């Protein structure tokens, strides 16, 4: 079993920044990828960013490229999402995810490519 705990959500004005953290515990040995997704009211959960745990390759949704950065701390089993230049359309519940199945997926951009999820962190961007 893997447990993911998210911190760092909050309310910020447009143009501001937030940093989300997601710490993994339990049987973390098998984790091969970490990702961030978000879900706004009435919308499907959408991909934000992903990182390959062994190689460190990163992937971003076009909507956040140049503004968001995903990073990792292997010793802490923690992934981060630095969000800069936030826009009102970034408002959503942000979910951390981990793939423990070692799926043969390069980018891990779909929700069903992950099997563990954090509790969600509300990010609200006001204008």
C-alpha atoms as a PDB file:
ATOM      1  CA  UNK A   1       0.000   0.000   0.000  1.00  0.00           C
ATOM      2  CA  UNK A   2       1.065   3.550  -0.743  1.00  0.00           C
ATOM      3  CA  UNK A   3      -0.230   6.632   1.014  1.00  0.00           C
ATOM      4  CA  UNK A   4       0.015  10.113  -0.466  1.00  0.00           C
ATOM      5  CA  UNK A   5      -0.417  13.246   1.619  1.00  0.00           C
ATOM      6  CA  UNK A   6      -0.706  16.641  -0.042  1.00  0.00           C
ATOM      7  CA  UNK A   7      -0.003  20.041   1.453  1.00  0.00           C
ATOM      8  CA  UNK A   8       0.255  23.589   0.180  1.00  0.00           C
ATOM      9  CA  UNK A   9      -3.106  24.499  -1.279  1.00  0.00           C
ATOM     10  CA  UNK A  10      -4.699  27.846  -0.661  1.00  0.00           C
ATOM     11  CA  UNK A  11      -6.112  31.082  -1.984  1.00  0.00           C
ATOM     12  CA  UNK A  12      -3.947  33.341  -4.106  1.00  0.00           C
ATOM     13  CA  UNK A  13      -4.461  36.348  -6.328  1.00  0.00           C
ATOM     14  CA  UNK A  14      -3.949  36.085 -10.068  1.00  0.00           C
ATOM     15  CA  UNK A  15      -0.266  36.333 -10.899  1.00  0.00           C
ATOM     16  CA  UNK A  16       0.774  34.838  -7.597  1.00  0.00           C
ATOM     17  CA  UNK A  17       2.450  31.561  -6.750  1.00  0.00           C
ATOM     18  CA  UNK A  18       1.794  28.441  -4.735  1.00  0.00           C
ATOM     19  CA  UNK A  19       3.806  25.321  -4.086  1.00  0.00           C
ATOM     20  CA  UNK A  20       2.163  21.956  -3.562  1.00  0.00           C
ATOM     21  CA  UNK A  21       3.920  19.039  -1.914  1.00  0.00           C
ATOM     22  CA  UNK A  22       3.016  15.367  -1.951  1.00  0.00           C
ATOM     23  CA  UNK A  23       4.807  12.920   0.325  1.00  0.00           C
ATOM     24  CA  UNK A  24       4.549   9.182  -0.260  1.00  0.00           C
ATOM     25  CA  UNK A  25       4.783   6.547   2.444  1.00  0.00           C
ATOM     26  CA  UNK A  26       4.289   2.819   2.706  1.00  0.00           C
ATOM     27  CA  UNK A  27       5.517   0.543  -0.049  1.00  0.00           C
ATOM     28  CA  UNK A  28       7.159   3.251  -2.107  1.00  0.00           C
ATOM     29  CA  UNK A  29       9.794   0.991  -3.656  1.00  0.00           C
ATOM     30  CA  UNK A  30       7.604   0.162  -6.625  1.00  0.00           C
ATOM     31  CA  UNK A  31       6.662   3.732  -7.558  1.00  0.00           C
ATOM     32  CA  UNK A  32       7.826   4.474 -11.077  1.00  0.00           C
ATOM     33  CA  UNK A  33       6.061   7.756 -11.824  1.00  0.00           C
ATOM     34  CA  UNK A  34       4.448  10.658 -10.003  1.00  0.00           C
ATOM     35  CA  UNK A  35       1.947  13.085 -11.381  1.00  0.00           C
ATOM     36  CA  UNK A  36      -0.349  16.000 -10.696  1.00  0.00           C
ATOM     37  CA  UNK A  37      -3.919  16.297 -11.918  1.00  0.00           C
ATOM     38  CA  UNK A  38      -6.605  18.866 -11.280  1.00  0.00           C
ATOM     39  CA  UNK A  39     -10.370  18.884 -11.344  1.00  0.00           C
ATOM     40  CA  UNK A  40     -12.583  21.945 -11.503  1.00  0.00           C
ATOM     41  CA  UNK A  41     -16.317  21.870 -10.735  1.00  0.00           C
ATOM     42  CA  UNK A  42     -18.229  20.191 -13.543  1.00  0.00           C
ATOM     43  CA  UNK A  43     -15.036  19.202 -15.343  1.00  0.00           C
ATOM     44  CA  UNK A  44     -13.175  15.956 -15.815  1.00  0.00           C
ATOM     45  CA  UNK A  45      -9.940  15.369 -14.010  1.00  0.00           C
ATOM     46  CA  UNK A  46      -7.179  16.655 -16.258  1.00  0.00           C
ATOM     47  CA  UNK A  47      -3.468  16.101 -16.465  1.00  0.00           C
ATOM     48  CA  UNK A  48      -1.160  18.840 -15.201  1.00  0.00           C
ATOM     49  CA  UNK A  49       2.366  17.449 -14.893  1.00  0.00           C
ATOM     50  CA  UNK A  50       4.243  14.184 -14.464  1.00  0.00           C
ATOM     51  CA  UNK A  51       7.733  13.035 -13.617  1.00  0.00           C
ATOM     52  CA  UNK A  52       9.442   9.715 -14.188  1.00  0.00           C
ATOM     53  CA  UNK A  53      10.786   8.627 -10.823  1.00  0.00           C
ATOM     54  CA  UNK A  54      13.946   6.919 -12.014  1.00  0.00           C
ATOM     55  CA  UNK A  55      14.981   9.086 -14.929  1.00  0.00           C
ATOM     56  CA  UNK A  56      13.430  12.380 -13.893  1.00  0.00           C
ATOM     57  CA  UNK A  57      11.852  13.145 -17.266  1.00  0.00           C
ATOM     58  CA  UNK A  58       9.045  15.656 -16.931  1.00  0.00           C
ATOM     59  CA  UNK A  59       5.900  16.305 -18.941  1.00  0.00           C
ATOM     60  CA  UNK A  60       3.436  19.175 -18.796  1.00  0.00           C
ATOM     61  CA  UNK A  61       0.027  20.033 -20.089  1.00  0.00           C
ATOM     62  CA  UNK A  62       0.184  22.800 -22.661  1.00  0.00           C
ATOM     63  CA  UNK A  63      -1.938  25.005 -20.423  1.00  0.00           C
ATOM     64  CA  UNK A  64       0.726  25.127 -17.701  1.00  0.00           C
ATOM     65  CA  UNK A  65       3.989  24.954 -19.637  1.00  0.00           C
ATOM     66  CA  UNK A  66       6.297  27.773 -18.663  1.00  0.00           C
ATOM     67  CA  UNK A  67       4.361  28.467 -15.469  1.00  0.00           C
ATOM     68  CA  UNK A  68       4.376  25.213 -13.484  1.00  0.00           C
ATOM     69  CA  UNK A  69       7.337  23.061 -12.536  1.00  0.00           C
ATOM     70  CA  UNK A  70       7.248  19.516 -11.204  1.00  0.00           C
ATOM     71  CA  UNK A  71      10.214  18.300  -9.206  1.00  0.00           C
ATOM     72  CA  UNK A  72      11.149  15.493  -6.862  1.00  0.00           C
ATOM     73  CA  UNK A  73      13.130  14.713  -3.744  1.00  0.00           C
ATOM     74  CA  UNK A  74      13.949  11.018  -3.903  1.00  0.00           C
ATOM     75  CA  UNK A  75      15.218  10.826  -0.322  1.00  0.00           C
ATOM     76  CA  UNK A  76      11.900  12.164   0.979  1.00  0.00           C
ATOM     77  CA  UNK A  77       9.704  10.340  -1.552  1.00  0.00           C
ATOM     78  CA  UNK A  78       8.164  13.712  -2.219  1.00  0.00           C
ATOM     79  CA  UNK A  79       7.038  15.411  -5.390  1.00  0.00           C
ATOM     80  CA  UNK A  80       6.411  19.139  -5.700  1.00  0.00           C
ATOM     81  CA  UNK A  81       4.423  21.348  -7.997  1.00  0.00           C
ATOM     82  CA  UNK A  82       5.621  24.929  -8.150  1.00  0.00           C
ATOM     83  CA  UNK A  83       2.876  27.063  -9.652  1.00  0.00           C
ATOM     84  CA  UNK A  84       3.770  30.550 -10.839  1.00  0.00           C
ATOM     85  CA  UNK A  85       1.819  33.202 -12.725  1.00  0.00           C
ATOM     86  CA  UNK A  86      -1.414  31.644 -11.560  1.00  0.00           C
ATOM     87  CA  UNK A  87      -4.599  32.386 -13.454  1.00  0.00           C
ATOM     88  CA  UNK A  88      -8.241  32.119 -12.376  1.00  0.00           C
ATOM     89  CA  UNK A  89      -8.634  29.175 -14.748  1.00  0.00           C
ATOM     90  CA  UNK A  90      -6.092  27.290 -12.640  1.00  0.00           C
ATOM     91  CA  UNK A  91      -8.668  27.127  -9.843  1.00  0.00           C
ATOM     92  CA  UNK A  92      -9.314  23.468  -9.064  1.00  0.00           C
ATOM     93  CA  UNK A  93      -8.708  20.668  -6.634  1.00  0.00           C
ATOM     94  CA  UNK A  94      -5.209  19.390  -7.312  1.00  0.00           C
ATOM     95  CA  UNK A  95      -4.474  15.705  -6.840  1.00  0.00           C
ATOM     96  CA  UNK A  96      -1.130  14.031  -6.461  1.00  0.00           C
ATOM     97  CA  UNK A  97      -0.820  10.581  -8.006  1.00  0.00           C
ATOM     98  CA  UNK A  98       1.623   7.687  -8.077  1.00  0.00           C
ATOM     99  CA  UNK A  99       1.990   4.652 -10.301  1.00  0.00           C
ATOM    100  CA  UNK A 100       3.143   1.572  -8.417  1.00  0.00           C
ATOM    101  CA  UNK A 101       2.453  -0.875 -11.240  1.00  0.00           C
ATOM    102  CA  UNK A 102       5.415   0.073 -13.415  1.00  0.00           C
ATOM    103  CA  UNK A 103       3.201   0.554 -16.413  1.00  0.00           C
ATOM    104  CA  UNK A 104       4.834   0.703 -19.812  1.00  0.00           C
ATOM    105  CA  UNK A 105       3.784   4.303 -20.250  1.00  0.00           C
ATOM    106  CA  UNK A 106       6.231   7.003 -21.213  1.00  0.00           C
ATOM    107  CA  UNK A 107       4.440  10.184 -20.157  1.00  0.00           C
ATOM    108  CA  UNK A 108       1.788   9.068 -17.631  1.00  0.00           C
ATOM    109  CA  UNK A 109      -0.777  11.670 -18.647  1.00  0.00           C
ATOM    110  CA  UNK A 110      -4.007   9.721 -18.054  1.00  0.00           C
ATOM    111  CA  UNK A 111      -5.678   9.208 -14.660  1.00  0.00           C
ATOM    112  CA  UNK A 112      -5.998   5.452 -15.165  1.00  0.00           C
ATOM    113  CA  UNK A 113      -2.227   5.222 -15.486  1.00  0.00           C
ATOM    114  CA  UNK A 114      -1.960   5.845 -11.729  1.00  0.00           C
ATOM    115  CA  UNK A 115      -3.191   3.658  -8.897  1.00  0.00           C
ATOM    116  CA  UNK A 116      -2.648   5.844  -5.815  1.00  0.00           C
ATOM    117  CA  UNK A 117      -4.009   9.307  -5.158  1.00  0.00           C
ATOM    118  CA  UNK A 118      -3.664  12.015  -2.576  1.00  0.00           C
ATOM    119  CA  UNK A 119      -6.610  13.571  -0.794  1.00  0.00           C
ATOM    120  CA  UNK A 120      -6.637  16.667  -2.975  1.00  0.00           C
ATOM    121  CA  UNK A 121      -5.625  20.254  -2.317  1.00  0.00           C
ATOM    122  CA  UNK A 122      -7.870  23.184  -3.149  1.00  0.00           C
ATOM    123  CA  UNK A 123      -6.198  25.904  -5.173  1.00  0.00           C
ATOM    124  CA  UNK A 124      -8.262  29.035  -5.680  1.00  0.00           C
ATOM    125  CA  UNK A 125      -7.002  31.889  -7.829  1.00  0.00           C
ATOM    126  CA  UNK A 126      -8.897  35.149  -7.579  1.00  0.00           C
ATOM    127  CA  UNK A 127      -8.899  37.973 -10.095  1.00  0.00           C
END
